[in-house]
């Protein structure tokens, strides 16, 4: 009896447990179905939102693409106009630069031609001036040589005259000593004072006074129509009397500074 009751209890517990399990499984299935339904609804909602978002994105993208194409077309047209304007400016600048370069080249050629002409003219003038200076220098050197020769010749003549006077005086002294007379005889063989010297002094002094800047002996001789050697003694006398003065090769009036 006790065993049967225990087996009965065990069977009832098994049946109860099975029913409980079945009830739990049914509850779980119901919850799973509910959860699945919720998830399906959520998925549908997400799909709907995604579709709406995708549609919005497509509309925005289409709108943005249209606007971007329009802006690109405008930028392209604007850039094309700017490129054309830039090309025109480059062409104008090229033409202007060509004209400026041509004008500059013409100016350089004109300046070079003027400078060359002026340089040739200056060289010609310089050559003419050098030739003139050389001729003047040769003339002055020739005058100087003639003046020196004239002065040397005059000094030689003066020396010869002085020697002749000294010789005549010595001969007179010797003759006096021989004859025993004390008076000095006149100097024989030499002029007493060169009668031409005062006349030459009177002639050449006014000529020298006409040239306060100085005049050469050759110039004086040319004015008087004589050779320079003739004037040597007269010039020497005028210098010794301080009527005239000499500096280098020029003769000046005594009053000229």
Protein backbone atom coordinates (compact mmCIF):
# COMPACT_ATOMS: atom_id res chain seq x y z
CA UNK A 1 0.00 0.00 0.00
CA UNK A 2 2.75 2.36 0.86
CA UNK A 3 4.59 1.59 -2.32
CA UNK A 4 1.60 2.19 -4.51
CA UNK A 5 0.95 5.50 -2.80
CA UNK A 6 4.57 6.47 -3.27
CA UNK A 7 4.51 5.48 -6.91
CA UNK A 8 1.30 7.41 -7.33
CA UNK A 9 2.88 10.46 -5.79
CA UNK A 10 5.88 10.06 -7.97
CA UNK A 11 3.71 9.76 -11.06
CA UNK A 12 1.73 12.81 -10.05
CA UNK A 13 4.94 14.76 -9.45
CA UNK A 14 6.16 13.67 -12.90
CA UNK A 15 2.89 14.66 -14.48
CA UNK A 16 2.88 17.94 -12.55
CA UNK A 17 6.45 18.56 -13.52
CA UNK A 18 5.62 17.77 -17.14
CA UNK A 19 2.66 20.09 -17.10
CA UNK A 20 4.75 22.75 -15.47
CA UNK A 21 7.38 22.30 -18.13
CA UNK A 22 4.81 22.42 -20.86
CA UNK A 23 3.29 25.53 -19.33
CA UNK A 24 6.75 27.08 -19.07
CA UNK A 25 7.55 26.19 -22.62
CA UNK A 26 4.26 27.63 -23.79
CA UNK A 27 4.97 30.78 -21.83
CA UNK A 28 8.46 30.95 -23.29
CA UNK A 29 7.10 30.37 -26.78
CA UNK A 30 4.55 33.13 -26.22
CA UNK A 31 7.23 35.47 -24.97
CA UNK A 32 9.46 34.52 -27.91
CA UNK A 33 6.62 35.15 -30.32
CA UNK A 34 5.90 38.48 -28.68
CA UNK A 35 9.61 39.35 -28.77
CA UNK A 36 9.82 38.25 -32.39
CA UNK A 37 6.80 40.37 -33.20
CA UNK A 38 8.40 43.33 -31.45
CA UNK A 39 11.65 42.78 -33.27
CA UNK A 40 9.85 42.37 -36.58
CA UNK A 41 8.02 45.63 -35.92
CA UNK A 42 11.28 47.31 -34.93
CA UNK A 43 12.97 45.93 -38.03
CA UNK A 44 10.11 47.18 -40.20
CA UNK A 45 10.33 50.55 -38.47
CA UNK A 46 14.07 50.62 -39.01
CA UNK A 47 13.62 49.62 -42.63
CA UNK A 48 11.03 52.35 -43.05
CA UNK A 49 13.31 54.91 -41.42
CA UNK A 50 16.21 53.65 -43.49
CA UNK A 51 14.15 53.88 -46.68
CA UNK A 52 13.00 57.37 -45.73
CA UNK A 53 16.60 58.36 -44.92
CA UNK A 54 17.85 56.79 -48.14
CA UNK A 55 15.14 58.62 -50.08
CA UNK A 56 16.11 61.84 -48.35
CA UNK A 57 19.76 61.16 -49.11
CA UNK A 58 18.92 60.44 -52.76
CA UNK A 59 16.85 63.61 -53.03
CA UNK A 60 19.57 65.64 -51.31
CA UNK A 61 22.24 64.02 -53.46
CA UNK A 62 20.21 64.69 -56.60
CA UNK A 63 19.62 68.28 -55.51
CA UNK A 64 23.26 68.72 -54.57
CA UNK A 65 24.37 67.10 -57.85
CA UNK A 66 22.08 69.41 -59.83
CA UNK A 67 23.32 72.46 -57.92
CA UNK A 68 26.94 71.30 -58.22
CA UNK A 69 26.58 70.75 -61.97
CA UNK A 70 25.00 74.20 -62.30
CA UNK A 71 27.79 75.81 -60.27
CA UNK A 72 30.42 73.88 -62.22
CA UNK A 73 28.83 75.02 -65.48
CA UNK A 74 28.81 78.62 -64.20
CA UNK A 75 32.41 78.31 -63.01
CA UNK A 76 33.40 76.76 -66.32
CA UNK A 77 31.75 79.60 -68.25
CA UNK A 78 33.32 82.18 -65.91
CA UNK A 79 36.72 80.50 -66.18
CA UNK A 80 36.38 80.37 -69.96
CA UNK A 81 35.60 84.11 -70.02
CA UNK A 82 38.57 84.80 -67.72
CA UNK A 83 40.86 82.66 -69.88
CA UNK A 84 39.69 84.52 -73.00
CA UNK A 85 40.26 87.86 -71.26
CA UNK A 86 43.68 86.67 -70.11
CA UNK A 87 44.54 85.60 -73.65
CA UNK A 88 43.46 88.99 -74.98
CA UNK A 89 45.55 90.72 -72.32
CA UNK A 90 48.53 88.52 -73.16
CA UNK A 91 48.12 89.29 -76.86
CA UNK A 92 47.78 93.02 -76.10
CA UNK A 93 50.81 92.89 -73.79
CA UNK A 94 52.78 91.02 -76.44
CA UNK A 95 51.89 93.63 -79.07
CA UNK A 96 52.62 96.46 -76.65
CA UNK A 97 55.90 94.89 -75.58
CA UNK A 98 56.86 94.36 -79.22
CA UNK A 99 56.18 98.04 -79.93
CA UNK A 100 58.16 99.09 -76.85
CA UNK A 101 61.06 96.81 -77.78
CA UNK A 102 61.00 98.16 -81.32
CA UNK A 103 60.94 101.76 -80.03
CA UNK A 104 63.72 100.95 -77.56
CA UNK A 105 65.79 99.33 -80.29
CA UNK A 106 65.20 102.32 -82.54
CA UNK A 107 66.18 104.65 -79.68
CA UNK A 108 69.32 102.61 -79.02
CA UNK A 109 70.25 102.67 -82.69
CA UNK A 110 69.60 106.43 -82.88
CA UNK A 111 71.61 107.05 -79.69
CA UNK A 112 74.40 104.80 -80.91
CA UNK A 113 74.45 106.62 -84.24
CA UNK A 114 74.51 110.02 -82.52
CA UNK A 115 77.23 108.88 -80.12
CA UNK A 116 79.26 107.43 -82.97
CA UNK A 117 78.87 110.64 -84.98
CA UNK A 118 79.78 112.78 -81.96
CA UNK A 119 82.74 110.52 -81.19
CA UNK A 120 84.00 110.66 -84.77
CA UNK A 121 83.55 114.44 -84.72
CA UNK A 122 85.41 114.72 -81.40
CA UNK A 123 88.16 112.47 -82.69
CA UNK A 124 88.43 114.53 -85.87
CA UNK A 125 88.51 117.76 -83.86
CA UNK A 126 91.02 116.24 -81.45
CA UNK A 127 93.18 115.09 -84.34
CA UNK A 128 92.97 118.53 -85.95
CA UNK A 129 93.76 120.16 -82.59
CA UNK A 130 96.71 117.81 -82.06
CA UNK A 131 97.99 118.54 -85.53
CA UNK A 132 97.58 122.27 -84.94
CA UNK A 133 99.32 122.00 -81.55
CA UNK A 134 102.07 119.92 -83.10
CA UNK A 135 102.54 122.49 -85.87
CA UNK A 136 102.54 125.31 -83.34
CA UNK A 137 105.03 123.41 -81.18
CA UNK A 138 107.28 122.75 -84.15
CA UNK A 139 107.06 126.42 -85.08
CA UNK A 140 107.85 127.51 -81.51
CA UNK A 141 110.74 125.04 -81.36
CA UNK A 142 112.06 126.35 -84.67
CA UNK A 143 111.71 129.95 -83.41
CA UNK A 144 113.42 128.95 -80.18
CA UNK A 145 116.25 127.30 -82.09
CA UNK A 146 116.63 130.34 -84.31
CA UNK A 147 116.56 132.63 -81.29
CA UNK A 148 119.18 130.55 -79.51
CA UNK A 149 121.33 130.50 -82.63
CA UNK A 150 120.86 134.26 -82.96
CA UNK A 151 121.73 134.87 -79.32
CA UNK A 152 124.75 132.56 -79.51
CA UNK A 153 125.87 134.27 -82.72
CA UNK A 154 125.36 137.69 -81.13
CA UNK A 155 127.31 136.66 -78.05
CA UNK A 156 130.03 135.31 -80.31
CA UNK A 157 130.16 138.61 -82.22
CA UNK A 158 130.20 140.54 -78.94
CA UNK A 159 133.00 138.35 -77.67
CA UNK A 160 134.93 138.84 -80.89
CA UNK A 161 134.37 142.61 -80.69
CA UNK A 162 135.49 142.64 -77.03
CA UNK A 163 138.59 140.65 -77.96
CA UNK A 164 139.34 143.05 -80.80
CA UNK A 165 138.91 146.02 -78.45
CA UNK A 166 141.16 144.38 -75.89
CA UNK A 167 143.71 143.61 -78.59
CA UNK A 168 143.63 147.18 -79.88
CA UNK A 169 143.99 148.52 -76.33
CA UNK A 170 146.90 146.19 -75.69
CA UNK A 171 148.55 147.18 -78.97
CA UNK A 172 148.05 150.91 -78.11
CA UNK A 173 149.52 150.35 -74.65
CA UNK A 174 152.50 148.54 -76.12
CA UNK A 175 153.00 151.28 -78.71
CA UNK A 176 152.81 153.95 -76.01
CA UNK A 177 155.33 152.17 -73.89
CA UNK A 178 157.65 151.96 -76.88
CA UNK A 179 157.35 155.65 -77.77
CA UNK A 180 157.45 156.79 -74.13
CA UNK A 181 154.17 158.70 -74.36
CA UNK A 182 151.67 158.43 -71.49
CA UNK A 183 148.47 159.30 -73.35
CA UNK A 184 146.37 156.46 -74.59
CA UNK A 185 145.98 156.31 -78.32
CA UNK A 186 142.56 155.80 -79.85
CA UNK A 187 141.54 152.16 -80.15
CA UNK A 188 142.41 151.01 -83.61
CA UNK A 189 140.50 148.38 -85.49
CA UNK A 190 137.28 148.54 -83.33
CA UNK A 191 134.33 150.92 -83.36
CA UNK A 192 134.10 153.29 -80.42
CA UNK A 193 130.58 152.40 -79.32
CA UNK A 194 128.80 150.74 -82.25
CA UNK A 195 126.85 153.62 -83.68
CA UNK A 196 123.94 151.32 -84.74
CA UNK A 197 123.08 150.17 -81.19
CA UNK A 198 121.22 153.35 -80.05
CA UNK A 199 119.17 153.36 -83.25
CA UNK A 200 118.19 149.70 -82.78
CA UNK A 201 117.32 150.34 -79.14
CA UNK A 202 115.09 153.22 -80.17
CA UNK A 203 113.35 151.00 -82.71
CA UNK A 204 112.89 147.77 -80.77
CA UNK A 205 111.84 149.31 -77.42
CA UNK A 206 108.44 150.54 -78.78
CA UNK A 207 107.88 147.12 -80.37
CA UNK A 208 108.43 145.34 -77.04
CA UNK A 209 106.16 147.85 -75.27
CA UNK A 210 103.35 146.87 -77.65
CA UNK A 211 103.44 143.33 -76.25
CA UNK A 212 102.98 143.40 -72.46
CA UNK A 213 102.31 139.65 -72.66
CA UNK A 214 105.82 139.16 -74.12
CA UNK A 215 107.38 138.70 -77.56
CA UNK A 216 110.24 136.58 -78.87
CA UNK A 217 113.41 137.93 -80.46
CA UNK A 218 112.29 136.44 -83.76
CA UNK A 219 109.00 138.30 -83.47
CA UNK A 220 110.83 141.59 -82.83
CA UNK A 221 113.15 140.97 -85.77
CA UNK A 222 110.13 140.20 -87.97
CA UNK A 223 108.48 143.48 -86.95
CA UNK A 224 111.66 145.44 -87.69
CA UNK A 225 112.53 143.52 -90.86
CA UNK A 226 115.97 142.44 -89.69
CA UNK A 227 117.63 139.17 -88.71
CA UNK A 228 117.53 138.38 -84.97
CA UNK A 229 121.34 138.38 -84.67
CA UNK A 230 121.43 142.12 -85.35
CA UNK A 231 119.34 142.81 -82.22
CA UNK A 232 121.51 140.88 -79.76
CA UNK A 233 123.68 143.78 -78.54
CA UNK A 234 120.79 146.28 -78.41
CA UNK A 235 118.61 143.86 -76.40
CA UNK A 236 121.50 143.24 -74.00
CA UNK A 237 121.97 146.97 -73.48
CA UNK A 238 118.23 147.52 -72.83
CA UNK A 239 118.20 144.70 -70.27
CA UNK A 240 121.26 146.10 -68.51
CA UNK A 241 119.58 149.53 -68.41
CA UNK A 242 116.36 147.86 -67.09
CA UNK A 243 114.27 149.16 -69.95
CA UNK A 244 113.09 145.63 -70.70
CA UNK A 245 113.25 142.26 -68.99
CA UNK A 246 113.58 138.69 -70.26
CA UNK A 247 111.78 135.58 -69.01
CA UNK A 248 112.44 132.25 -70.71
CA UNK A 249 112.38 133.15 -74.44
CA UNK A 250 110.11 136.19 -74.15
CA UNK A 251 110.97 139.86 -73.78
CA UNK A 252 108.68 142.14 -71.74
CA UNK A 253 108.53 145.86 -71.05
CA UNK A 254 110.12 146.63 -67.71
CA UNK A 255 106.76 147.90 -66.37
CA UNK A 256 104.91 144.64 -67.29
CA UNK A 257 104.45 142.12 -64.48
